[in-house]
C-alpha atoms as a PDB file:
ATOM      1  CA  MET A   1    -129.814  16.284 -10.350  1.00  0.00           C
ATOM      2  CA  THR A   2    -127.197  18.119 -12.362  1.00  0.00           C
ATOM      3  CA  ALA A   3    -128.277  21.760 -11.985  1.00  0.00           C
ATOM      4  CA  LYS A   4    -127.168  22.671 -15.504  1.00  0.00           C
ATOM      5  CA  PHE A   5    -129.976  20.547 -17.002  1.00  0.00           C
ATOM      6  CA  ALA A   6    -132.629  20.718 -14.251  1.00  0.00           C
ATOM      7  CA  ASP A   7    -134.778  23.235 -16.166  1.00  0.00           C
ATOM      8  CA  LEU A   8    -134.448  21.231 -19.360  1.00  0.00           C
ATOM      9  CA  LEU A   9    -135.895  18.031 -17.928  1.00  0.00           C
ATOM     10  CA  THR A  10    -139.479  19.236 -17.611  1.00  0.00           C
ATOM     11  CA  PRO A  11    -142.538  18.345 -19.673  1.00  0.00           C
ATOM     12  CA  GLN A  12    -142.672  21.926 -20.979  1.00  0.00           C
ATOM     13  CA  ALA A  13    -139.201  21.507 -22.483  1.00  0.00           C
ATOM     14  CA  SER A  14    -140.162  18.366 -24.417  1.00  0.00           C
ATOM     15  CA  GLY A  15    -139.042  18.547 -28.022  1.00  0.00           C
ATOM     16  CA  VAL A  16    -136.386  17.717 -30.582  1.00  0.00           C
ATOM     17  CA  TYR A  17    -132.966  19.263 -29.996  1.00  0.00           C
ATOM     18  CA  LEU A  18    -129.408  19.128 -31.211  1.00  0.00           C
ATOM     19  CA  ALA A  19    -127.511  17.070 -28.668  1.00  0.00           C
ATOM     20  CA  PRO A  20    -124.862  18.920 -26.690  1.00  0.00           C
ATOM     21  CA  PRO A  21    -121.289  17.981 -27.630  1.00  0.00           C
ATOM     22  CA  ASP A  22    -120.705  16.498 -24.160  1.00  0.00           C
ATOM     23  CA  LEU A  23    -123.617  14.311 -23.158  1.00  0.00           C
ATOM     24  CA  ALA A  24    -122.166  13.117 -19.854  1.00  0.00           C
ATOM     25  CA  ALA A  25    -123.764  15.793 -17.647  1.00  0.00           C
ATOM     26  CA  LEU A  26    -127.114  15.507 -19.399  1.00  0.00           C
ATOM     27  CA  ARG A  27    -127.045  11.719 -19.178  1.00  0.00           C
ATOM     28  CA  GLN A  28    -126.319  11.994 -15.453  1.00  0.00           C
ATOM     29  CA  ALA A  29    -129.236  14.407 -14.988  1.00  0.00           C
ATOM     30  CA  VAL A  30    -131.535  12.034 -16.906  1.00  0.00           C
ATOM     31  CA  ASP A  31    -130.431   9.126 -14.714  1.00  0.00           C
ATOM     32  CA  ASP A  32    -130.845  11.209 -11.538  1.00  0.00           C
ATOM     33  CA  ALA A  33    -134.395  12.117 -12.586  1.00  0.00           C
ATOM     34  CA  GLY A  34    -135.244   8.464 -13.209  1.00  0.00           C
ATOM     35  CA  LEU A  35    -136.002   9.067 -16.884  1.00  0.00           C
ATOM     36  CA  ALA A  36    -135.469   6.361 -19.494  1.00  0.00           C
ATOM     37  CA  TRP A  37    -132.494   6.945 -21.820  1.00  0.00           C
ATOM     38  CA  PHE A  38    -132.324   5.320 -25.238  1.00  0.00           C
ATOM     39  CA  GLY A  39    -129.533   5.512 -27.784  1.00  0.00           C
ATOM     40  CA  VAL A  40    -130.498   5.004 -31.420  1.00  0.00           C
ATOM     41  CA  ASP A  41    -127.521   4.452 -33.708  1.00  0.00           C
ATOM     42  CA  LEU A  42    -128.221   5.482 -37.312  1.00  0.00           C
ATOM     43  CA  ALA A  43    -124.705   4.721 -38.592  1.00  0.00           C
ATOM     44  CA  HIS A  44    -125.876   2.067 -41.043  1.00  0.00           C
ATOM     45  CA  VAL A  45    -129.290   3.520 -41.836  1.00  0.00           C
ATOM     46  CA  ALA A  46    -129.923   4.662 -45.403  1.00  0.00           C
ATOM     47  CA  ASP A  47    -133.675   4.262 -45.891  1.00  0.00           C
ATOM     48  CA  LYS A  48    -137.041   3.973 -44.172  1.00  0.00           C
ATOM     49  CA  ASN A  49    -136.841   0.218 -43.575  1.00  0.00           C
ATOM     50  CA  SER A  50    -133.399   0.262 -41.972  1.00  0.00           C
ATOM     51  CA  LEU A  51    -134.447   3.297 -39.897  1.00  0.00           C
ATOM     52  CA  LEU A  52    -137.502   1.474 -38.543  1.00  0.00           C
ATOM     53  CA  VAL A  53    -135.390  -1.606 -37.777  1.00  0.00           C
ATOM     54  CA  ALA A  54    -132.860   0.538 -35.876  1.00  0.00           C
ATOM     55  CA  CYS A  55    -135.623   2.269 -33.898  1.00  0.00           C
ATOM     56  CA  SER A  56    -137.303  -1.030 -33.045  1.00  0.00           C
ATOM     57  CA  ARG A  57    -134.010  -2.595 -31.946  1.00  0.00           C
ATOM     58  CA  ASP A  58    -132.592   0.333 -29.994  1.00  0.00           C
ATOM     59  CA  LEU A  59    -135.861   1.463 -28.393  1.00  0.00           C
ATOM     60  CA  GLY A  60    -136.794  -2.093 -27.481  1.00  0.00           C
ATOM     61  CA  PHE A  61    -140.149  -2.051 -29.236  1.00  0.00           C
ATOM     62  CA  PRO A  62    -142.466  -4.998 -28.567  1.00  0.00           C
ATOM     63  CA  GLN A  63    -142.562  -7.941 -30.977  1.00  0.00           C
ATOM     64  CA  THR A  64    -145.875  -6.589 -32.290  1.00  0.00           C
ATOM     65  CA  PHE A  65    -144.196  -3.490 -33.791  1.00  0.00           C
ATOM     66  CA  GLY A  66    -145.705  -3.091 -37.267  1.00  0.00           C
ATOM     67  CA  GLY A  67    -142.600  -1.732 -39.005  1.00  0.00           C
ATOM     68  CA  ASN A  68    -144.222   1.355 -40.539  1.00  0.00           C
ATOM     69  CA  TRP A  69    -144.512   5.089 -39.782  1.00  0.00           C
ATOM     70  CA  ASP A  70    -147.828   4.736 -37.934  1.00  0.00           C
ATOM     71  CA  ALA A  71    -146.431   1.951 -35.765  1.00  0.00           C
ATOM     72  CA  LEU A  72    -143.383   4.085 -34.961  1.00  0.00           C
ATOM     73  CA  ALA A  73    -145.621   6.979 -33.931  1.00  0.00           C
ATOM     74  CA  ASP A  74    -147.783   4.639 -31.844  1.00  0.00           C
ATOM     75  CA  CYS A  75    -144.808   3.130 -30.018  1.00  0.00           C
ATOM     76  CA  LEU A  76    -143.305   6.562 -29.300  1.00  0.00           C
ATOM     77  CA  GLN A  77    -146.612   7.523 -27.672  1.00  0.00           C
ATOM     78  CA  ASP A  78    -146.895   4.337 -25.634  1.00  0.00           C
ATOM     79  CA  PHE A  79    -143.706   2.974 -23.977  1.00  0.00           C
ATOM     80  CA  SER A  80    -145.855   0.664 -21.833  1.00  0.00           C
ATOM     81  CA  TRP A  81    -142.974  -1.833 -21.939  1.00  0.00           C
ATOM     82  CA  ARG A  82    -140.669   0.756 -20.319  1.00  0.00           C
ATOM     83  CA  ASP A  83    -142.524   2.593 -17.580  1.00  0.00           C
ATOM     84  CA  ALA A  84    -140.737   5.812 -16.636  1.00  0.00           C
ATOM     85  CA  PRO A  85    -141.633   9.409 -15.781  1.00  0.00           C
ATOM     86  CA  GLY A  86    -140.130  10.515 -19.087  1.00  0.00           C
ATOM     87  CA  TYR A  87    -138.051   9.497 -22.068  1.00  0.00           C
ATOM     88  CA  VAL A  88    -134.898  10.779 -23.752  1.00  0.00           C
ATOM     89  CA  ILE A  89    -133.833   9.409 -27.135  1.00  0.00           C
ATOM     90  CA  ASN A  90    -130.314  10.145 -28.331  1.00  0.00           C
ATOM     91  CA  LEU A  91    -129.989   9.747 -32.107  1.00  0.00           C
ATOM     92  CA  THR A  92    -126.378   9.292 -33.194  1.00  0.00           C
ATOM     93  CA  GLN A  93    -124.651   9.144 -36.575  1.00  0.00           C
ATOM     94  CA  VAL A  94    -127.546  10.923 -38.309  1.00  0.00           C
ATOM     95  CA  ALA A  95    -125.733  12.801 -41.078  1.00  0.00           C
ATOM     96  CA  ALA A  96    -125.390   9.953 -43.584  1.00  0.00           C
ATOM     97  CA  MET A  97    -129.015   8.866 -43.144  1.00  0.00           C
ATOM     98  CA  ALA A  98    -130.276  12.435 -43.433  1.00  0.00           C
ATOM     99  CA  ARG A  99    -128.375  12.889 -46.700  1.00  0.00           C
ATOM    100  CA  ALA A 100    -129.342   9.493 -48.127  1.00  0.00           C
ATOM    101  CA  ALA A 101    -133.038   9.810 -47.252  1.00  0.00           C
ATOM    102  CA  PRO A 102    -133.838  13.452 -46.439  1.00  0.00           C
ATOM    103  CA  GLN A 103    -137.623  13.045 -46.673  1.00  0.00           C
ATOM    104  CA  GLU A 104    -137.596  10.045 -44.355  1.00  0.00           C
ATOM    105  CA  PHE A 105    -135.294  11.873 -41.942  1.00  0.00           C
ATOM    106  CA  GLN A 106    -137.641  14.866 -41.880  1.00  0.00           C
ATOM    107  CA  LEU A 107    -140.600  12.570 -41.304  1.00  0.00           C
ATOM    108  CA  LEU A 108    -138.728  10.972 -38.399  1.00  0.00           C
ATOM    109  CA  LEU A 109    -138.170  14.427 -36.876  1.00  0.00           C
ATOM    110  CA  ASP A 110    -141.864  15.254 -37.339  1.00  0.00           C
ATOM    111  CA  ILE A 111    -142.926  12.018 -35.633  1.00  0.00           C
ATOM    112  CA  LEU A 112    -140.532  12.693 -32.761  1.00  0.00           C
ATOM    113  CA  MET A 113    -141.931  16.218 -32.380  1.00  0.00           C
ATOM    114  CA  ASP A 114    -145.482  14.861 -32.348  1.00  0.00           C
ATOM    115  CA  ALA A 115    -144.445  12.399 -29.627  1.00  0.00           C
ATOM    116  CA  ALA A 116    -142.914  15.258 -27.622  1.00  0.00           C
ATOM    117  CA  THR A 117    -146.185  17.197 -27.844  1.00  0.00           C
ATOM    118  CA  TYR A 118    -148.147  14.094 -26.841  1.00  0.00           C
ATOM    119  CA  TRP A 119    -146.024  13.469 -23.729  1.00  0.00           C
ATOM    120  CA  GLU A 120    -145.888  17.145 -22.755  1.00  0.00           C
ATOM    121  CA  LYS A 121    -149.704  17.275 -22.693  1.00  0.00           C
ATOM    122  CA  ARG A 122    -149.636  14.296 -20.340  1.00  0.00           C
ATOM    123  CA  GLY A 123    -147.105  15.887 -18.002  1.00  0.00           C
ATOM    124  CA  SER A 124    -144.128  13.745 -18.993  1.00  0.00           C
ATOM    125  CA  VAL A 125    -140.748  14.600 -20.435  1.00  0.00           C
ATOM    126  CA  PHE A 126    -139.969  13.459 -23.978  1.00  0.00           C
ATOM    127  CA  MET A 127    -136.833  14.620 -25.737  1.00  0.00           C
ATOM    128  CA  ALA A 128    -135.113  13.538 -28.886  1.00  0.00           C
ATOM    129  CA  LEU A 129    -131.493  14.599 -29.104  1.00  0.00           C
ATOM    130  CA  VAL A 130    -130.001  14.631 -32.584  1.00  0.00           C
ATOM    131  CA  ASP A 131    -126.272  14.044 -32.897  1.00  0.00           C
ATOM    132  CA  HIS A 132    -124.477  17.385 -32.871  1.00  0.00           C
ATOM    133  CA  GLN A 133    -122.244  16.162 -35.694  1.00  0.00           C
ATOM    134  CA  THR A 134    -124.904  16.703 -38.342  1.00  0.00           C
ATOM    135  CA  GLY A 135    -122.497  17.739 -41.050  1.00  0.00           C
ATOM    136  CA  GLY A 136    -124.188  21.034 -41.808  1.00  0.00           C
ATOM    137  CA  LEU A 137    -127.724  19.708 -41.989  1.00  0.00           C
ATOM    138  CA  ALA A 138    -130.370  22.398 -41.954  1.00  0.00           C
ATOM    139  CA  GLY A 139    -133.646  22.314 -40.119  1.00  0.00           C
ATOM    140  CA  LEU A 140    -132.554  21.806 -36.519  1.00  0.00           C
END
């Protein structure tokens, strides 16, 4: 495993973070650890509905995904369709969505943090990496 990120890929380090500018070494460490890596592209997301569609598509949610905040939280605390010792979600192109729908973006971050706490308590890694090109967004 890439030594630079070995300490980061533990259940105790689960959380929501700004993504490093160069993801290659982290991605390699995630692969070496056998963790699941997901990329969620928010480039064309401007509201709750398009956000939930992007999450469902890019995280491979089951057909039964309910398309609401509770269903998102449930799926992020399940992943039964993708068994792995841990999960890393890389959110890209977040700035436009965060500006267009700041309350929804904050709620997304809260749900991701709740999922990180859930997985940490169960001894699994869960990280959400938010695109480092946030355009001056506060709160991270």
